Protein backbone atom coordinates (compact mmCIF):
# COMPACT_ATOMS: atom_id res chain seq x y z
CA SER A 1 39.55 -8.72 -4.57
CA SER A 2 36.67 -7.26 -2.54
CA VAL A 3 38.92 -4.57 -1.10
CA LEU A 4 40.20 -3.63 -4.61
CA LEU A 5 36.69 -3.57 -6.02
CA LEU A 6 35.29 -1.35 -3.25
CA SER A 7 38.33 0.88 -2.70
CA ILE A 8 37.60 3.55 -5.34
CA PRO A 9 33.88 4.12 -4.60
CA ALA A 10 34.61 3.91 -0.86
CA MET A 11 37.27 6.65 -1.09
CA ALA A 12 34.93 8.75 -3.22
CA ILE A 13 32.27 8.44 -0.46
CA GLY A 14 34.93 9.51 2.05
CA PHE A 15 35.61 12.65 0.06
CA SER A 16 32.00 13.58 -0.43
CA VAL A 17 30.92 14.74 3.03
CA PRO A 18 33.84 17.18 3.70
CA LEU A 19 33.72 18.59 0.16
CA PHE A 20 29.94 19.01 0.05
CA ALA A 21 29.94 20.73 3.49
CA THR A 22 32.64 23.11 2.26
CA THR A 23 30.66 23.87 -0.90
CA LEU A 24 27.52 24.50 1.16
CA GLN A 25 29.40 26.83 3.49
CA ALA A 26 30.92 28.76 0.58
CA HIS A 27 27.46 29.45 -0.89
CA HIS A 28 25.84 30.44 2.41
CA LYS A 29 28.34 32.38 4.50
CA PRO A 30 28.33 32.54 7.41
CA ASN A 31 27.04 29.01 7.79
CA GLU A 32 28.25 27.24 10.90
CA LYS A 33 25.67 24.45 10.30
CA ALA A 34 27.11 23.37 6.96
CA PHE A 35 28.73 20.21 8.22
CA GLY A 36 25.84 19.22 10.49
CA GLN A 37 23.34 19.64 7.65
CA THR A 38 25.54 17.61 5.25
CA TYR A 39 26.27 14.91 7.80
CA ALA A 40 22.59 14.50 8.74
CA LEU A 41 21.40 14.36 5.11
CA TYR A 42 24.11 11.91 4.21
CA ASN A 43 23.16 9.45 6.95
CA LEU A 44 19.43 9.98 6.34
CA GLY A 45 19.91 9.05 2.68
CA ALA A 46 21.99 6.01 3.64
CA GLY A 47 19.48 4.77 6.23
CA LEU A 48 16.48 5.15 3.90
CA SER A 49 18.39 3.53 1.04
CA VAL A 50 19.13 0.41 3.12
CA LEU A 51 15.42 -0.03 3.79
CA ALA A 52 14.48 0.70 0.16
CA VAL A 53 16.97 -1.85 -1.17
CA GLU A 54 15.90 -4.64 1.19
CA PHE A 55 12.12 -4.11 1.31
CA VAL A 56 11.41 -2.66 -2.14
CA LEU A 57 14.08 -3.30 -4.77
CA ILE A 58 15.21 -6.85 -3.95
CA ARG A 59 11.71 -8.09 -3.19
CA ASN A 60 10.31 -6.74 -6.43
CA LEU A 61 13.20 -6.91 -8.88
CA GLY A 62 15.57 -9.54 -7.51
CA LEU A 63 19.27 -9.15 -6.83
CA SER A 64 20.68 -8.63 -10.36
CA LYS A 65 18.08 -6.08 -11.50
CA SER A 66 18.39 -4.24 -8.15
CA LEU A 67 22.14 -3.99 -8.67
CA TYR A 68 21.75 -2.59 -12.17
CA LEU A 69 19.13 -0.04 -11.00
CA THR A 70 21.33 1.03 -8.08
CA ALA A 71 24.28 1.52 -10.47
CA ALA A 72 22.08 3.57 -12.81
CA LEU A 73 20.85 5.76 -9.91
CA ASN A 74 24.45 6.38 -8.83
CA LEU A 75 25.38 7.44 -12.35
CA PHE A 76 22.37 9.72 -12.54
CA CYS A 77 23.24 11.36 -9.19
CA GLY A 78 26.85 11.84 -10.32
CA LEU A 79 25.82 13.46 -13.61
CA ALA A 80 23.23 15.62 -11.85
CA LEU A 81 25.87 16.94 -9.40
CA ALA A 82 28.42 17.41 -12.16
CA LEU A 83 26.00 19.55 -14.22
CA SER A 84 24.51 21.42 -11.23
CA PRO A 85 25.56 24.98 -10.33
CA LEU A 86 26.48 23.86 -6.83
CA LYS A 87 30.25 24.30 -7.11
CA LEU A 88 32.86 26.21 -5.16
CA PRO A 89 32.77 29.92 -6.22
CA SER A 90 35.73 31.16 -8.23
CA SER A 91 36.47 33.59 -5.37
CA TRP A 92 36.81 30.75 -2.87
CA LYS A 93 40.31 30.21 -1.46
CA VAL A 94 41.75 27.40 0.64
CA PRO A 95 41.39 28.58 4.27
CA ASN A 96 44.31 28.98 6.58
CA LEU A 97 44.72 25.50 8.05
CA ASN A 98 46.44 26.96 11.11
CA LYS A 99 42.97 28.20 12.17
CA THR A 100 41.73 24.68 12.77
CA GLN A 101 39.53 24.39 15.84
CA LEU A 102 40.68 20.84 16.57
CA THR A 103 43.49 20.10 19.02
CA PRO A 104 45.30 16.75 19.50
CA GLN A 105 43.09 16.24 22.58
CA HIS A 106 39.98 16.58 20.44
CA LEU A 107 41.24 13.94 18.04
CA LYS A 108 42.17 11.56 20.86
CA ALA A 109 38.72 11.96 22.42
CA MET A 110 37.12 11.34 19.02
CA ALA A 111 39.17 8.18 18.58
CA LEU A 112 38.01 6.81 21.97
CA ALA A 113 34.37 7.67 21.22
CA ALA A 114 34.52 6.05 17.77
CA PHE A 115 36.19 2.94 19.23
CA ALA A 116 33.41 2.68 21.83
CA SER A 117 30.84 3.28 19.11
CA ALA A 118 32.15 0.30 17.09
CA LEU A 119 32.05 -1.95 20.20
CA LEU A 120 28.48 -0.83 20.87
CA GLN A 121 27.44 -1.46 17.27
CA GLY A 122 28.83 -4.97 17.39
CA PHE A 123 27.06 -5.70 20.62
CA TYR A 124 23.83 -4.05 19.27
CA LEU A 125 23.86 -6.26 16.22
CA LYS A 126 24.44 -9.33 18.41
CA VAL A 127 21.45 -8.34 20.58
CA CYS A 128 19.25 -7.69 17.53
CA TYR A 129 20.16 -11.09 16.02
CA HIS A 130 19.24 -12.71 19.34
CA LEU A 131 15.93 -10.80 19.40
CA PHE A 132 14.95 -10.94 15.69
CA LEU A 133 17.11 -13.87 14.40
CA PRO A 134 20.06 -13.39 12.06
CA HIS A 135 18.23 -12.83 8.75
CA ARG A 136 19.20 -10.40 5.99
CA GLU A 137 16.13 -8.23 6.49
CA ASN A 138 16.92 -7.89 10.20
CA PHE A 139 20.45 -6.78 9.36
CA ALA A 140 18.94 -4.08 7.11
CA ILE A 141 16.56 -2.99 9.87
CA CYS A 142 19.35 -2.69 12.44
CA THR A 143 21.72 -0.94 10.01
CA SER A 144 19.05 1.63 9.01
CA MET A 145 18.23 2.38 12.64
CA ALA A 146 21.91 2.92 13.41
CA LEU A 147 22.20 5.42 10.52
CA LEU A 148 18.96 7.20 11.43
CA SER A 149 20.13 7.46 15.04
CA ILE A 150 23.14 9.49 13.78
CA VAL A 151 20.70 11.79 11.99
CA LEU A 152 18.72 12.31 15.21
CA GLY A 153 21.92 12.89 17.20
CA THR A 154 23.10 15.50 14.70
CA THR A 155 19.74 17.22 14.84
CA LEU A 156 19.87 17.34 18.67
CA VAL A 157 23.39 18.89 18.55
CA ARG A 158 22.13 21.60 16.19
CA ALA A 159 18.94 22.24 18.17
CA PHE A 160 20.35 22.25 21.72
CA LYS A 161 24.07 22.94 21.03
CA LEU A 162 25.15 19.79 22.88
CA GLN A 163 28.76 19.49 23.89
CA PHE A 164 30.99 16.47 23.19
CA THR A 165 31.20 15.51 26.87
CA SER A 166 27.42 15.76 27.24
CA CYS A 167 26.94 13.41 24.30
CA VAL A 168 29.31 10.84 25.79
CA PHE A 169 27.66 11.03 29.24
CA ALA A 170 24.20 10.67 27.67
CA ALA A 171 25.41 7.62 25.68
CA LEU A 172 26.69 5.90 28.82
CA SER A 173 23.54 6.74 30.80
CA THR A 174 21.09 5.48 28.16
CA LEU A 175 23.22 2.36 27.65
CA ALA A 176 22.82 1.48 31.34
CA LEU A 177 19.10 2.35 31.41
CA ILE A 178 18.21 0.31 28.35
CA TYR A 179 20.39 -2.78 28.71
CA ALA A 180 20.04 -3.33 32.45
CA PRO A 181 16.37 -4.43 32.04
CA PHE A 182 17.09 -6.32 28.78
CA PRO A 183 15.32 -9.56 29.89
CA TRP A 184 12.15 -7.49 30.35
CA ILE A 185 12.59 -5.97 26.87
CA LEU A 186 13.07 -9.49 25.47
CA LYS A 187 9.88 -10.72 27.12
CA SER A 188 7.90 -7.66 26.00
CA TYR A 189 8.97 -8.13 22.40
CA HIS A 190 7.89 -11.75 22.21
CA GLU A 191 4.55 -11.02 23.93
CA ILE A 192 3.72 -8.26 21.44
CA TYR A 193 5.00 -10.34 18.52
CA ALA A 194 2.58 -13.18 19.44
CA LEU A 195 -0.39 -10.78 19.07
CA LEU A 196 0.52 -9.55 15.55
CA ASN A 197 -0.95 -11.11 12.39
CA SER A 198 0.56 -9.12 9.47
CA ALA A 199 4.02 -8.63 7.97
CA ASP A 200 3.71 -4.82 8.14
CA SER A 201 2.94 -4.82 11.85
CA VAL A 202 5.90 -7.17 12.52
CA LEU A 203 8.19 -4.86 10.49
CA PHE A 204 6.99 -1.86 12.52
CA LEU A 205 7.59 -3.80 15.76
CA LYS A 206 11.15 -4.66 14.72
CA LEU A 207 11.91 -1.10 13.69
CA SER A 208 10.57 0.17 17.03
CA PHE A 209 12.61 -2.21 19.17
CA ALA A 210 15.70 -1.80 17.01
CA PHE A 211 15.46 1.96 17.55
CA LEU A 212 14.99 1.58 21.31
CA LEU A 213 18.04 -0.68 21.64
CA ASN A 214 20.10 1.81 19.60
CA VAL A 215 19.27 5.00 21.58
CA PRO A 216 22.85 5.22 23.00
CA MET A 217 24.08 5.49 19.41
CA ILE A 218 22.07 8.68 18.99
CA PHE A 219 24.53 10.39 21.34
CA LEU A 220 27.68 8.63 20.20
CA GLY A 221 26.74 9.44 16.64
CA ALA A 222 26.42 13.10 17.69
CA THR A 223 30.03 13.37 18.84
CA ILE A 224 31.45 14.35 15.46
CA PRO A 225 29.02 17.24 14.83
CA ALA A 226 29.39 18.26 18.52
CA LEU A 227 33.15 18.75 17.97
CA LEU A 228 32.71 20.58 14.65
CA THR A 229 30.35 23.49 15.25
CA LYS A 230 32.35 26.40 13.78
CA GLY A 231 35.42 27.36 11.83
CA ASP A 232 36.33 28.11 8.23
CA ALA A 233 38.33 25.00 7.50
CA ILE A 234 35.35 22.69 7.33
CA ALA A 235 36.75 20.30 4.74
CA TYR A 236 40.05 19.98 6.61
CA ASP A 237 38.53 19.61 10.12
CA SER A 238 35.71 17.28 9.11
CA GLY A 239 38.10 15.20 7.04
CA ARG A 240 40.45 14.81 10.03
CA LEU A 241 37.58 13.84 12.34
CA LEU A 242 36.07 11.35 9.86
CA TRP A 243 39.53 9.89 9.19
CA VAL A 244 40.23 9.37 12.93
CA SER A 245 36.76 8.05 13.63
CA GLY A 246 36.89 5.70 10.63
CA LEU A 247 40.19 4.13 11.78
CA ALA A 248 38.95 3.79 15.36
CA ASN A 249 35.68 2.27 14.11
CA ALA A 250 37.54 -0.31 12.10
CA LEU A 251 39.76 -1.19 15.01
CA GLY A 252 36.77 -1.39 17.37
CA SER A 253 34.95 -3.73 14.97
CA LEU A 254 37.93 -6.07 14.79
CA VAL A 255 38.35 -6.03 18.55
CA PHE A 256 34.69 -6.88 19.07
CA VAL A 257 34.62 -9.72 16.56
CA PHE A 258 37.88 -11.41 17.57
CA LEU A 259 38.21 -10.54 21.28
CA ALA A 260 34.96 -9.39 22.86
CA HIS A 261 32.29 -11.41 21.02
CA PRO A 262 33.45 -14.93 22.05
CA PHE A 263 33.57 -13.88 25.69
CA LEU A 264 30.44 -11.78 25.82
CA PRO A 265 27.36 -13.98 26.31
CA LEU A 266 24.07 -12.08 26.50
CA PHE A 267 23.00 -13.74 29.75
């Protein structure tokens, strides 16, 4: 029943990024940054929304009223987009899909990176729960930092024209540098936590450590925009990449939960 309930809005969300990037590119040709801009804004909105729901809406309105307000905001956004002039121009034509910049090798590499990303996210959440305790607000903190890390990774790709292989190498390097001294990080967190005396300072501390532990995700999250830097078939290419990465993410999550997690103690 949960799958049926979520299937339609989830598919609509899956359509939104490729279609919006295509619309942006059509209005601002030549615009090789259309997908990167859309992908960064999408994840920025998602990350900020997670924090807003947990720390503002639910705490002030409760669950039911927060749900109604969120539904109303979604309807408002949908109507605003439907009535806005931001549509594909009448002169726009479906691009030649034979001009795709993605090869089977690109898609295989993306699948491996997305699979690794899901494993890292599972491990990251496990570490955060060990550090902060498994409470709902801590899940929101960790989720928002994961989404904002993708925004930062996309920004780095656009600013420094990072290549896919460079992003993967940076992810592996930062993973080793951050998690090798994890006992020291754990000790530092608890020492700082003992000195704090306000909820706001504790929240800032958690956000800071959650971001630090998620630095490798900055570079893994940058792999999709790193592969999609040019080309006319933005909707087609980005849709293929997001489809492959989505399947690999789902598989990686299942593998972590049912295979890796029981045999992966933190110490």
